[in-house]
Structures are given as C-alpha cells and as structure tokens.
C-alpha cells in the first residue's frame, strides 16, 4: 500500500507537528478538530515552527508557509477523512474521548484507511475493537517530531502484521526513526522510562521533599542536561501529564494529580499556555545562573 493522504485527528501540540511534517514530506494532509479555535491556533503554532526551522535547518520560510497553506483544516469529520490512506489520532489522552473519536471515524473512514493512535500511555487494544477494524489498528506514537525524531510502532495482538513495514516506511519518510515494540506496554519504551522519572519527581514534590525548582536542578546538574522533569512536563503539556497521572495506580500519584489539576484550573497548561511550573517563553531554568 502506498500512503498518499494523511488525516490527523486533533490540532493540539503533537497533532500540529505530525501534520506539518507530513505536508513538508510531500503528503496531502487534512487536520481535524472539533474546536475551530484549535485549528486557528494550530496554524499559528505551525508558522512558529517554520520560523524556527528556517533558522536551524535552512528551510526557506516561504516554502514552509506555502506548505501550511496546502493543509486542509476542518471541523467536518467527513471532509477530514475523505480518501485518507492513514489516520493519525492525537486527541485528548482520555479513554472516553478516544472511544468517541474511533467509533465515529471507524464508521466513516474509507475501507483502505489505516488507523493509528498517537496515545502516549494508553494501549491500542483499548480502542481497536470500537474502531470496527481491529486488524488495521496500531499505535504510531511520535515524540516531538522535529527535535526528538523517534516514532514508536506498537501493534496489539489483532493487528495485521503486514501493517508494520508500511508504518516503518511511513515513519522514515517523515524523517523519524521507527522503533517497533514487540508487545503492548504502557508508555512504549522511552515514555515508560520517562514516566518513571516524572512520576518520581511528582511524588517528591507532592510529599514536600523538595520544590520543583530544586528537583529540576538536581536532575539537570547530575545528568548534564538543560531541562529537568518539571520543564519536561511543561513541554509535554500539563493536561496530558494530568491524564496520565490520573491513570497511575501507584501510591502518591493521586496527590500529584491534585497539584496538576489545580494548575489546570488556574490556566497553567505549560508551554502552550505560557505558564506551567515555569513561565514562558523565558523559563527560569534557561537562565545562566539557574544552576549556580
């Protein structure tokens, strides 16, 4: 099967990046969201990424802006999925929402369409049946897309094995490194490791062992990296971290989830809202004296 048309469901942080990289890689792209404002915000995000890429990689900004103009932004499900060869779903990390999305698109998508979910923590088998096409369902999980270029391919027991090489080729065409997961696992490989780190950091904060800044400093200075666990959470999105934490049954997770919920109620969703644990676009951890 040759993939030509890509349908992205969800115009948030990651969906916007998948859509942009897909159009830059020569695919015909539609991006769907139930909220028109999210679609407008997606265009803004894409333009910012193009400007960053033009400085970092030499991509001509006008060519990038033209690529954005070629994308179909729509809140009409039928328009979004018309003639789609593959769906990349990046909606809210919530089982109920994802079930509603896959029930709808399972009914209206063309017979040829491959179904993929970009879920960070949930399992493809949780949604395969409700999609109506479990054999065509697989996780295809992107990270940052432009800076962290890994894409996880995680089938469920009922996934047609012939989809795997197709998804590997698709991932490579988007300049990603395909990583095939042998069996279902919450968080794939990297996210499972990262999740343990973020969970530990969250419990330390919730238990009053250290401030978020102190925890980040300890992590950054020892691993010699430029961002700590709470900066990472801001980048991922506090809403996504909250949904994952709510599904975590480990002791102490509920206390940290309560902190995240209060942040969301205050409009602190991380980088995308301008404020999370830190304030953006100039977070404190980027200051030259942060580790002094």
C-alpha atoms as a PDB file:
ATOM      1  CA  UNK A   1       0.000   0.000   0.000  1.00  0.00           C
ATOM      2  CA  UNK A   2       1.219   3.486  -0.887  1.00  0.00           C
ATOM      3  CA  UNK A   3       0.326   6.213   1.598  1.00  0.00           C
ATOM      4  CA  UNK A   4      -0.501   9.493  -0.119  1.00  0.00           C
ATOM      5  CA  UNK A   5      -3.119  11.227   2.025  1.00  0.00           C
ATOM      6  CA  UNK A   6      -2.749  11.714   5.777  1.00  0.00           C
ATOM      7  CA  UNK A   7      -5.605  12.617   8.127  1.00  0.00           C
ATOM      8  CA  UNK A   8      -4.592  13.981  11.537  1.00  0.00           C
ATOM      9  CA  UNK A   9      -7.229  13.983  14.273  1.00  0.00           C
ATOM     10  CA  UNK A  10      -6.548  16.609  16.933  1.00  0.00           C
ATOM     11  CA  UNK A  11      -4.946  20.004  16.283  1.00  0.00           C
ATOM     12  CA  UNK A  12      -3.041  20.199  19.528  1.00  0.00           C
ATOM     13  CA  UNK A  13       0.693  20.281  20.180  1.00  0.00           C
ATOM     14  CA  UNK A  14       1.615  16.932  18.681  1.00  0.00           C
ATOM     15  CA  UNK A  15      -1.112  16.698  16.045  1.00  0.00           C
ATOM     16  CA  UNK A  16       0.027  20.028  14.597  1.00  0.00           C
ATOM     17  CA  UNK A  17       3.602  18.787  14.367  1.00  0.00           C
ATOM     18  CA  UNK A  18       2.645  15.499  12.707  1.00  0.00           C
ATOM     19  CA  UNK A  19       0.504  17.364  10.181  1.00  0.00           C
ATOM     20  CA  UNK A  20       3.238  19.895   9.428  1.00  0.00           C
ATOM     21  CA  UNK A  21       5.959  17.291   8.985  1.00  0.00           C
ATOM     22  CA  UNK A  22       3.642  15.245   6.783  1.00  0.00           C
ATOM     23  CA  UNK A  23       2.984  18.149   4.424  1.00  0.00           C
ATOM     24  CA  UNK A  24       6.676  19.107   4.368  1.00  0.00           C
ATOM     25  CA  UNK A  25       7.384  15.488   3.397  1.00  0.00           C
ATOM     26  CA  UNK A  26       5.093  15.727   0.385  1.00  0.00           C
ATOM     27  CA  UNK A  27       1.869  14.192   1.665  1.00  0.00           C
ATOM     28  CA  UNK A  28      -1.622  15.569   1.146  1.00  0.00           C
ATOM     29  CA  UNK A  29      -2.788  16.453   4.640  1.00  0.00           C
ATOM     30  CA  UNK A  30      -6.031  17.224   6.443  1.00  0.00           C
ATOM     31  CA  UNK A  31      -6.198  18.092  10.125  1.00  0.00           C
ATOM     32  CA  UNK A  32      -9.429  17.813  12.095  1.00  0.00           C
ATOM     33  CA  UNK A  33     -10.512  19.249  15.404  1.00  0.00           C
ATOM     34  CA  UNK A  34     -13.946  19.687  16.934  1.00  0.00           C
ATOM     35  CA  UNK A  35     -12.943  23.200  18.053  1.00  0.00           C
ATOM     36  CA  UNK A  36     -12.437  25.805  15.275  1.00  0.00           C
ATOM     37  CA  UNK A  37     -10.205  27.866  17.574  1.00  0.00           C
ATOM     38  CA  UNK A  38      -7.861  24.896  17.959  1.00  0.00           C
ATOM     39  CA  UNK A  39      -7.477  24.824  14.184  1.00  0.00           C
ATOM     40  CA  UNK A  40      -6.596  28.525  14.102  1.00  0.00           C
ATOM     41  CA  UNK A  41      -4.144  28.063  16.960  1.00  0.00           C
ATOM     42  CA  UNK A  42      -2.608  25.146  15.066  1.00  0.00           C
ATOM     43  CA  UNK A  43      -1.784  27.412  12.126  1.00  0.00           C
ATOM     44  CA  UNK A  44      -0.040  29.827  14.489  1.00  0.00           C
ATOM     45  CA  UNK A  45       1.988  27.000  16.030  1.00  0.00           C
ATOM     46  CA  UNK A  46       2.987  25.727  12.605  1.00  0.00           C
ATOM     47  CA  UNK A  47       4.178  29.158  11.469  1.00  0.00           C
ATOM     48  CA  UNK A  48       6.322  29.467  14.603  1.00  0.00           C
ATOM     49  CA  UNK A  49       7.862  26.059  13.901  1.00  0.00           C
ATOM     50  CA  UNK A  50       8.642  27.080  10.322  1.00  0.00           C
ATOM     51  CA  UNK A  51      10.435  30.194  11.558  1.00  0.00           C
ATOM     52  CA  UNK A  52      12.452  28.060  13.993  1.00  0.00           C
ATOM     53  CA  UNK A  53      13.312  25.558  11.271  1.00  0.00           C
ATOM     54  CA  UNK A  54      14.345  28.304   8.881  1.00  0.00           C
ATOM     55  CA  UNK A  55      16.936  29.442  11.416  1.00  0.00           C
ATOM     56  CA  UNK A  56      18.087  25.966  12.446  1.00  0.00           C
ATOM     57  CA  UNK A  57      17.987  23.957   9.226  1.00  0.00           C
ATOM     58  CA  UNK A  58      17.932  26.425   6.372  1.00  0.00           C
ATOM     59  CA  UNK A  59      14.357  25.649   5.358  1.00  0.00           C
ATOM     60  CA  UNK A  60      13.048  28.570   3.321  1.00  0.00           C
ATOM     61  CA  UNK A  61      10.278  30.149   5.382  1.00  0.00           C
ATOM     62  CA  UNK A  62       8.134  30.999   2.359  1.00  0.00           C
ATOM     63  CA  UNK A  63       8.221  27.367   1.224  1.00  0.00           C
ATOM     64  CA  UNK A  64       7.210  26.347   4.737  1.00  0.00           C
ATOM     65  CA  UNK A  65       4.345  28.823   4.849  1.00  0.00           C
ATOM     66  CA  UNK A  66       3.158  27.572   1.445  1.00  0.00           C
ATOM     67  CA  UNK A  67       3.171  24.038   2.823  1.00  0.00           C
ATOM     68  CA  UNK A  68       0.911  25.136   5.680  1.00  0.00           C
ATOM     69  CA  UNK A  69      -1.475  26.717   3.177  1.00  0.00           C
ATOM     70  CA  UNK A  70      -1.754  23.360   1.403  1.00  0.00           C
ATOM     71  CA  UNK A  71      -3.154  21.680   4.536  1.00  0.00           C
ATOM     72  CA  UNK A  72      -6.928  21.357   4.852  1.00  0.00           C
ATOM     73  CA  UNK A  73      -8.023  22.498   8.330  1.00  0.00           C
ATOM     74  CA  UNK A  74     -11.543  21.322   9.093  1.00  0.00           C
ATOM     75  CA  UNK A  75     -14.086  20.617  11.825  1.00  0.00           C
ATOM     76  CA  UNK A  76     -16.063  18.388   9.451  1.00  0.00           C
ATOM     77  CA  UNK A  77     -15.241  14.689  10.052  1.00  0.00           C
ATOM     78  CA  UNK A  78     -16.273  13.645   6.545  1.00  0.00           C
ATOM     79  CA  UNK A  79     -14.057  16.250   4.912  1.00  0.00           C
ATOM     80  CA  UNK A  80     -11.162  15.268   7.158  1.00  0.00           C
ATOM     81  CA  UNK A  81     -11.186  11.573   6.329  1.00  0.00           C
ATOM     82  CA  UNK A  82     -12.211  11.692   2.669  1.00  0.00           C
ATOM     83  CA  UNK A  83      -9.881   9.384   0.680  1.00  0.00           C
ATOM     84  CA  UNK A  84      -7.460   9.127   3.643  1.00  0.00           C
ATOM     85  CA  UNK A  85      -4.851   6.372   3.467  1.00  0.00           C
ATOM     86  CA  UNK A  86      -3.925   6.743   7.129  1.00  0.00           C
ATOM     87  CA  UNK A  87      -5.358   8.383  10.234  1.00  0.00           C
ATOM     88  CA  UNK A  88      -3.030   9.681  12.940  1.00  0.00           C
ATOM     89  CA  UNK A  89      -5.135  10.326  16.049  1.00  0.00           C
ATOM     90  CA  UNK A  90      -3.768  12.823  18.584  1.00  0.00           C
ATOM     91  CA  UNK A  91      -6.828  13.774  20.615  1.00  0.00           C
ATOM     92  CA  UNK A  92      -7.026  14.207  24.384  1.00  0.00           C
ATOM     93  CA  UNK A  93      -5.419  11.423  26.446  1.00  0.00           C
ATOM     94  CA  UNK A  94      -8.819  10.325  27.707  1.00  0.00           C
ATOM     95  CA  UNK A  95     -10.345   6.890  27.081  1.00  0.00           C
ATOM     96  CA  UNK A  96     -13.889   8.197  26.709  1.00  0.00           C
ATOM     97  CA  UNK A  97     -12.889  10.868  24.185  1.00  0.00           C
ATOM     98  CA  UNK A  98     -10.775   8.473  22.149  1.00  0.00           C
ATOM     99  CA  UNK A  99     -13.580   5.898  22.113  1.00  0.00           C
ATOM    100  CA  UNK A 100     -15.977   8.512  20.740  1.00  0.00           C
ATOM    101  CA  UNK A 101     -13.495   9.529  18.064  1.00  0.00           C
ATOM    102  CA  UNK A 102     -12.756   5.989  16.912  1.00  0.00           C
ATOM    103  CA  UNK A 103     -16.397   4.959  16.930  1.00  0.00           C
ATOM    104  CA  UNK A 104     -17.165   7.885  14.609  1.00  0.00           C
ATOM    105  CA  UNK A 105     -14.197   7.570  12.261  1.00  0.00           C
ATOM    106  CA  UNK A 106     -14.468   3.798  12.159  1.00  0.00           C
ATOM    107  CA  UNK A 107     -17.869   4.273  10.552  1.00  0.00           C
ATOM    108  CA  UNK A 108     -16.985   6.984   8.024  1.00  0.00           C
ATOM    109  CA  UNK A 109     -13.371   6.283   7.005  1.00  0.00           C
ATOM    110  CA  UNK A 110     -12.678   4.624   3.627  1.00  0.00           C
ATOM    111  CA  UNK A 111     -12.157   0.867   3.731  1.00  0.00           C
ATOM    112  CA  UNK A 112      -8.469   1.271   2.818  1.00  0.00           C
ATOM    113  CA  UNK A 113      -7.637   3.566   5.748  1.00  0.00           C
ATOM    114  CA  UNK A 114      -5.036   2.500   8.292  1.00  0.00           C
ATOM    115  CA  UNK A 115      -5.960   3.553  11.828  1.00  0.00           C
ATOM    116  CA  UNK A 116      -3.197   4.737  14.163  1.00  0.00           C
ATOM    117  CA  UNK A 117      -3.308   6.278  17.614  1.00  0.00           C
ATOM    118  CA  UNK A 118      -0.655   8.664  18.899  1.00  0.00           C
ATOM    119  CA  UNK A 119      -1.526   7.963  22.536  1.00  0.00           C
ATOM    120  CA  UNK A 120       1.348   8.490  24.970  1.00  0.00           C
ATOM    121  CA  UNK A 121       0.362   5.945  27.600  1.00  0.00           C
ATOM    122  CA  UNK A 122      -2.803   4.055  26.665  1.00  0.00           C
ATOM    123  CA  UNK A 123      -2.841   0.778  24.697  1.00  0.00           C
ATOM    124  CA  UNK A 124      -4.095   0.258  21.121  1.00  0.00           C
ATOM    125  CA  UNK A 125      -6.161  -2.760  22.192  1.00  0.00           C
ATOM    126  CA  UNK A 126      -8.304  -0.361  24.240  1.00  0.00           C
ATOM    127  CA  UNK A 127      -9.647   1.219  21.032  1.00  0.00           C
ATOM    128  CA  UNK A 128      -9.124  -1.352  18.282  1.00  0.00           C
ATOM    129  CA  UNK A 129     -12.471  -3.099  18.685  1.00  0.00           C
ATOM    130  CA  UNK A 130     -14.592   0.050  18.860  1.00  0.00           C
ATOM    131  CA  UNK A 131     -12.975   1.275  15.631  1.00  0.00           C
ATOM    132  CA  UNK A 132     -14.597  -1.662  13.861  1.00  0.00           C
ATOM    133  CA  UNK A 133     -11.319  -2.561  12.136  1.00  0.00           C
ATOM    134  CA  UNK A 134      -9.006  -4.086  14.757  1.00  0.00           C
ATOM    135  CA  UNK A 135      -6.765  -5.640  12.095  1.00  0.00           C
ATOM    136  CA  UNK A 136      -5.988  -2.159  10.697  1.00  0.00           C
ATOM    137  CA  UNK A 137      -5.395  -0.574  14.102  1.00  0.00           C
ATOM    138  CA  UNK A 138      -1.957   0.158  15.576  1.00  0.00           C
ATOM    139  CA  UNK A 139      -0.199   2.680  17.782  1.00  0.00           C
ATOM    140  CA  UNK A 140       2.052   5.092  15.891  1.00  0.00           C
ATOM    141  CA  UNK A 141       3.461   7.355  18.547  1.00  0.00           C
ATOM    142  CA  UNK A 142       5.538  10.407  17.687  1.00  0.00           C
ATOM    143  CA  UNK A 143       7.626  12.362  20.166  1.00  0.00           C
ATOM    144  CA  UNK A 144       8.491  15.960  19.256  1.00  0.00           C
ATOM    145  CA  UNK A 145       8.716  15.156  15.504  1.00  0.00           C
ATOM    146  CA  UNK A 146      11.233  17.902  14.709  1.00  0.00           C
ATOM    147  CA  UNK A 147      13.759  17.563  17.525  1.00  0.00           C
ATOM    148  CA  UNK A 148      13.089  14.148  19.073  1.00  0.00           C
ATOM    149  CA  UNK A 149      12.763  12.051  15.934  1.00  0.00           C
ATOM    150  CA  UNK A 150      11.573   8.693  17.196  1.00  0.00           C
ATOM    151  CA  UNK A 151       8.281   7.067  16.238  1.00  0.00           C
ATOM    152  CA  UNK A 152       7.004   4.069  18.203  1.00  0.00           C
ATOM    153  CA  UNK A 153       5.126   1.363  16.305  1.00  0.00           C
ATOM    154  CA  UNK A 154       3.182  -0.783  18.765  1.00  0.00           C
ATOM    155  CA  UNK A 155       0.667  -3.340  17.442  1.00  0.00           C
ATOM    156  CA  UNK A 156      -1.973  -5.051  19.561  1.00  0.00           C
ATOM    157  CA  UNK A 157      -2.484  -8.825  19.288  1.00  0.00           C
ATOM    158  CA  UNK A 158      -5.040  -8.402  16.471  1.00  0.00           C
ATOM    159  CA  UNK A 159      -3.015  -6.012  14.286  1.00  0.00           C
ATOM    160  CA  UNK A 160      -2.333  -7.313  10.769  1.00  0.00           C
ATOM    161  CA  UNK A 161       1.487  -7.889  10.734  1.00  0.00           C
ATOM    162  CA  UNK A 162       1.667  -6.567   7.169  1.00  0.00           C
ATOM    163  CA  UNK A 163       0.959  -3.050   8.517  1.00  0.00           C
ATOM    164  CA  UNK A 164       4.265  -2.886  10.385  1.00  0.00           C
ATOM    165  CA  UNK A 165       6.617  -2.441   7.387  1.00  0.00           C
ATOM    166  CA  UNK A 166       4.169   0.070   5.872  1.00  0.00           C
ATOM    167  CA  UNK A 167       4.272   2.124   9.073  1.00  0.00           C
ATOM    168  CA  UNK A 168       8.063   1.807   9.279  1.00  0.00           C
ATOM    169  CA  UNK A 169       8.398   3.205   5.754  1.00  0.00           C
ATOM    170  CA  UNK A 170       5.917   5.970   6.552  1.00  0.00           C
ATOM    171  CA  UNK A 171       7.877   6.897   9.664  1.00  0.00           C
ATOM    172  CA  UNK A 172      11.143   7.057   7.758  1.00  0.00           C
ATOM    173  CA  UNK A 173       9.537   9.232   5.076  1.00  0.00           C
ATOM    174  CA  UNK A 174       8.768  11.747   7.859  1.00  0.00           C
ATOM    175  CA  UNK A 175      12.457  11.709   8.860  1.00  0.00           C
ATOM    176  CA  UNK A 176      11.718   9.714  12.003  1.00  0.00           C
ATOM    177  CA  UNK A 177      13.461   6.640  13.409  1.00  0.00           C
ATOM    178  CA  UNK A 178      10.924   3.760  13.592  1.00  0.00           C
ATOM    179  CA  UNK A 179      11.027   1.763  16.843  1.00  0.00           C
ATOM    180  CA  UNK A 180       8.939  -1.424  16.759  1.00  0.00           C
ATOM    181  CA  UNK A 181       7.564  -2.572  20.119  1.00  0.00           C
ATOM    182  CA  UNK A 182       7.215  -6.363  20.390  1.00  0.00           C
ATOM    183  CA  UNK A 183       4.156  -6.315  22.641  1.00  0.00           C
ATOM    184  CA  UNK A 184       1.796  -3.797  24.188  1.00  0.00           C
ATOM    185  CA  UNK A 185       3.260  -1.797  27.026  1.00  0.00           C
ATOM    186  CA  UNK A 186       2.021   1.372  28.709  1.00  0.00           C
ATOM    187  CA  UNK A 187       4.380   4.150  27.621  1.00  0.00           C
ATOM    188  CA  UNK A 188       6.131   2.122  24.908  1.00  0.00           C
ATOM    189  CA  UNK A 189       9.895   2.123  25.692  1.00  0.00           C
ATOM    190  CA  UNK A 190      11.076   5.715  26.134  1.00  0.00           C
ATOM    191  CA  UNK A 191       7.847   7.006  27.686  1.00  0.00           C
ATOM    192  CA  UNK A 192       7.860   4.112  30.149  1.00  0.00           C
ATOM    193  CA  UNK A 193      11.333   5.179  31.270  1.00  0.00           C
ATOM    194  CA  UNK A 194      10.442   8.889  31.222  1.00  0.00           C
ATOM    195  CA  UNK A 195       7.161   8.213  33.006  1.00  0.00           C
ATOM    196  CA  UNK A 196       9.007   6.659  35.921  1.00  0.00           C
ATOM    197  CA  UNK A 197      11.211   9.739  36.197  1.00  0.00           C
ATOM    198  CA  UNK A 198       8.300  12.190  36.010  1.00  0.00           C
ATOM    199  CA  UNK A 199       6.258  10.124  38.460  1.00  0.00           C
ATOM    200  CA  UNK A 200       9.126  10.085  40.954  1.00  0.00           C
ATOM    201  CA  UNK A 201       9.606  13.833  40.570  1.00  0.00           C
ATOM    202  CA  UNK A 202       5.877  14.408  41.082  1.00  0.00           C
ATOM    203  CA  UNK A 203       5.787  12.326  44.253  1.00  0.00           C
ATOM    204  CA  UNK A 204       8.817  14.159  45.662  1.00  0.00           C
ATOM    205  CA  UNK A 205       7.006  17.454  45.070  1.00  0.00           C
ATOM    206  CA  UNK A 206       3.663  16.234  46.436  1.00  0.00           C
ATOM    207  CA  UNK A 207       5.350  14.858  49.574  1.00  0.00           C
ATOM    208  CA  UNK A 208       7.110  18.155  50.217  1.00  0.00           C
ATOM    209  CA  UNK A 209      10.601  16.669  49.866  1.00  0.00           C
ATOM    210  CA  UNK A 210      11.760  19.421  47.525  1.00  0.00           C
ATOM    211  CA  UNK A 211      10.479  22.300  45.407  1.00  0.00           C
ATOM    212  CA  UNK A 212      10.011  21.726  41.694  1.00  0.00           C
ATOM    213  CA  UNK A 213      12.985  24.004  41.024  1.00  0.00           C
ATOM    214  CA  UNK A 214      15.233  22.044  43.406  1.00  0.00           C
ATOM    215  CA  UNK A 215      14.175  18.744  41.858  1.00  0.00           C
ATOM    216  CA  UNK A 216      14.897  20.088  38.377  1.00  0.00           C
ATOM    217  CA  UNK A 217      18.290  21.444  39.478  1.00  0.00           C
ATOM    218  CA  UNK A 218      19.271  18.085  40.939  1.00  0.00           C
ATOM    219  CA  UNK A 219      18.295  16.302  37.722  1.00  0.00           C
ATOM    220  CA  UNK A 220      19.914  18.827  35.396  1.00  0.00           C
ATOM    221  CA  UNK A 221      23.241  19.136  37.169  1.00  0.00           C
ATOM    222  CA  UNK A 222      23.699  15.374  37.576  1.00  0.00           C
ATOM    223  CA  UNK A 223      22.610  14.350  34.069  1.00  0.00           C
ATOM    224  CA  UNK A 224      24.217  17.433  32.482  1.00  0.00           C
ATOM    225  CA  UNK A 225      21.059  18.314  30.580  1.00  0.00           C
ATOM    226  CA  UNK A 226      19.329  21.655  30.004  1.00  0.00           C
ATOM    227  CA  UNK A 227      15.858  20.709  31.260  1.00  0.00           C
ATOM    228  CA  UNK A 228      14.524  18.914  34.326  1.00  0.00           C
ATOM    229  CA  UNK A 229      11.382  16.816  34.949  1.00  0.00           C
ATOM    230  CA  UNK A 230       9.078  19.783  35.536  1.00  0.00           C
ATOM    231  CA  UNK A 231      10.344  21.632  32.473  1.00  0.00           C
ATOM    232  CA  UNK A 232       9.676  18.431  30.533  1.00  0.00           C
ATOM    233  CA  UNK A 233       6.130  18.289  31.922  1.00  0.00           C
ATOM    234  CA  UNK A 234       5.522  21.864  30.794  1.00  0.00           C
ATOM    235  CA  UNK A 235       6.704  20.911  27.314  1.00  0.00           C
ATOM    236  CA  UNK A 236       4.514  17.811  27.138  1.00  0.00           C
ATOM    237  CA  UNK A 237       1.509  19.752  28.447  1.00  0.00           C
ATOM    238  CA  UNK A 238       0.173  19.719  31.997  1.00  0.00           C
ATOM    239  CA  UNK A 239      -3.176  18.405  30.728  1.00  0.00           C
ATOM    240  CA  UNK A 240      -1.516  15.343  29.183  1.00  0.00           C
ATOM    241  CA  UNK A 241       0.598  14.741  32.292  1.00  0.00           C
ATOM    242  CA  UNK A 242      -2.520  15.017  34.452  1.00  0.00           C
ATOM    243  CA  UNK A 243      -4.436  12.445  32.391  1.00  0.00           C
ATOM    244  CA  UNK A 244      -1.514  10.017  32.564  1.00  0.00           C
ATOM    245  CA  UNK A 245      -1.071  10.604  36.304  1.00  0.00           C
ATOM    246  CA  UNK A 246      -4.790  10.020  36.908  1.00  0.00           C
ATOM    247  CA  UNK A 247      -4.379   6.540  35.379  1.00  0.00           C
ATOM    248  CA  UNK A 248      -1.341   5.791  37.536  1.00  0.00           C
ATOM    249  CA  UNK A 249      -2.273   3.452  40.382  1.00  0.00           C
ATOM    250  CA  UNK A 250       0.996   3.897  42.266  1.00  0.00           C
ATOM    251  CA  UNK A 251       0.950   5.291  45.781  1.00  0.00           C
ATOM    252  CA  UNK A 252       1.268   9.068  45.791  1.00  0.00           C
ATOM    253  CA  UNK A 253       0.084   9.561  42.224  1.00  0.00           C
ATOM    254  CA  UNK A 254      -3.278  10.977  43.307  1.00  0.00           C
ATOM    255  CA  UNK A 255      -1.602  13.675  45.393  1.00  0.00           C
ATOM    256  CA  UNK A 256       0.463  14.810  42.436  1.00  0.00           C
ATOM    257  CA  UNK A 257      -2.581  14.613  40.153  1.00  0.00           C
ATOM    258  CA  UNK A 258      -4.346  17.016  42.519  1.00  0.00           C
ATOM    259  CA  UNK A 259      -1.496  19.525  42.111  1.00  0.00           C
ATOM    260  CA  UNK A 260      -1.714  19.237  38.331  1.00  0.00           C
ATOM    261  CA  UNK A 261      -5.496  19.679  38.412  1.00  0.00           C
ATOM    262  CA  UNK A 262      -5.180  22.898  40.422  1.00  0.00           C
ATOM    263  CA  UNK A 263      -2.675  24.175  37.865  1.00  0.00           C
ATOM    264  CA  UNK A 264      -5.061  23.437  35.009  1.00  0.00           C
ATOM    265  CA  UNK A 265      -7.910  25.171  36.844  1.00  0.00           C
ATOM    266  CA  UNK A 266      -5.638  28.229  37.016  1.00  0.00           C
ATOM    267  CA  UNK A 267      -4.963  28.080  33.274  1.00  0.00           C
ATOM    268  CA  UNK A 268      -1.432  26.720  33.686  1.00  0.00           C
ATOM    269  CA  UNK A 269      -1.189  24.173  30.879  1.00  0.00           C
ATOM    270  CA  UNK A 270       2.553  24.500  30.286  1.00  0.00           C
ATOM    271  CA  UNK A 271       4.430  25.956  27.331  1.00  0.00           C
ATOM    272  CA  UNK A 272       1.322  26.139  25.144  1.00  0.00           C
ATOM    273  CA  UNK A 273      -0.468  28.448  27.599  1.00  0.00           C
ATOM    274  CA  UNK A 274       2.607  30.473  28.532  1.00  0.00           C
ATOM    275  CA  UNK A 275       2.649  29.230  32.108  1.00  0.00           C
ATOM    276  CA  UNK A 276       3.034  25.913  33.889  1.00  0.00           C
ATOM    277  CA  UNK A 277       5.588  25.207  36.563  1.00  0.00           C
ATOM    278  CA  UNK A 278       7.610  27.897  34.796  1.00  0.00           C
ATOM    279  CA  UNK A 279       6.664  30.994  32.783  1.00  0.00           C
ATOM    280  CA  UNK A 280       7.288  31.062  29.016  1.00  0.00           C
ATOM    281  CA  UNK A 281       8.829  31.951  26.586  1.00  0.00           C
ATOM    282  CA  UNK A 282      11.707  32.623  29.017  1.00  0.00           C
ATOM    283  CA  UNK A 283      11.551  29.926  31.713  1.00  0.00           C
ATOM    284  CA  UNK A 284      13.781  30.355  34.723  1.00  0.00           C
ATOM    285  CA  UNK A 285      15.659  27.101  34.103  1.00  0.00           C
ATOM    286  CA  UNK A 286      17.159  28.646  30.946  1.00  0.00           C
ATOM    287  CA  UNK A 287      18.785  31.456  32.897  1.00  0.00           C
ATOM    288  CA  UNK A 288      22.569  31.177  33.002  1.00  0.00           C
ATOM    289  CA  UNK A 289      22.534  31.418  36.821  1.00  0.00           C
ATOM    290  CA  UNK A 290      19.854  28.734  37.395  1.00  0.00           C
ATOM    291  CA  UNK A 291      22.428  26.100  38.339  1.00  0.00           C
ATOM    292  CA  UNK A 292      24.684  28.419  40.332  1.00  0.00           C
END
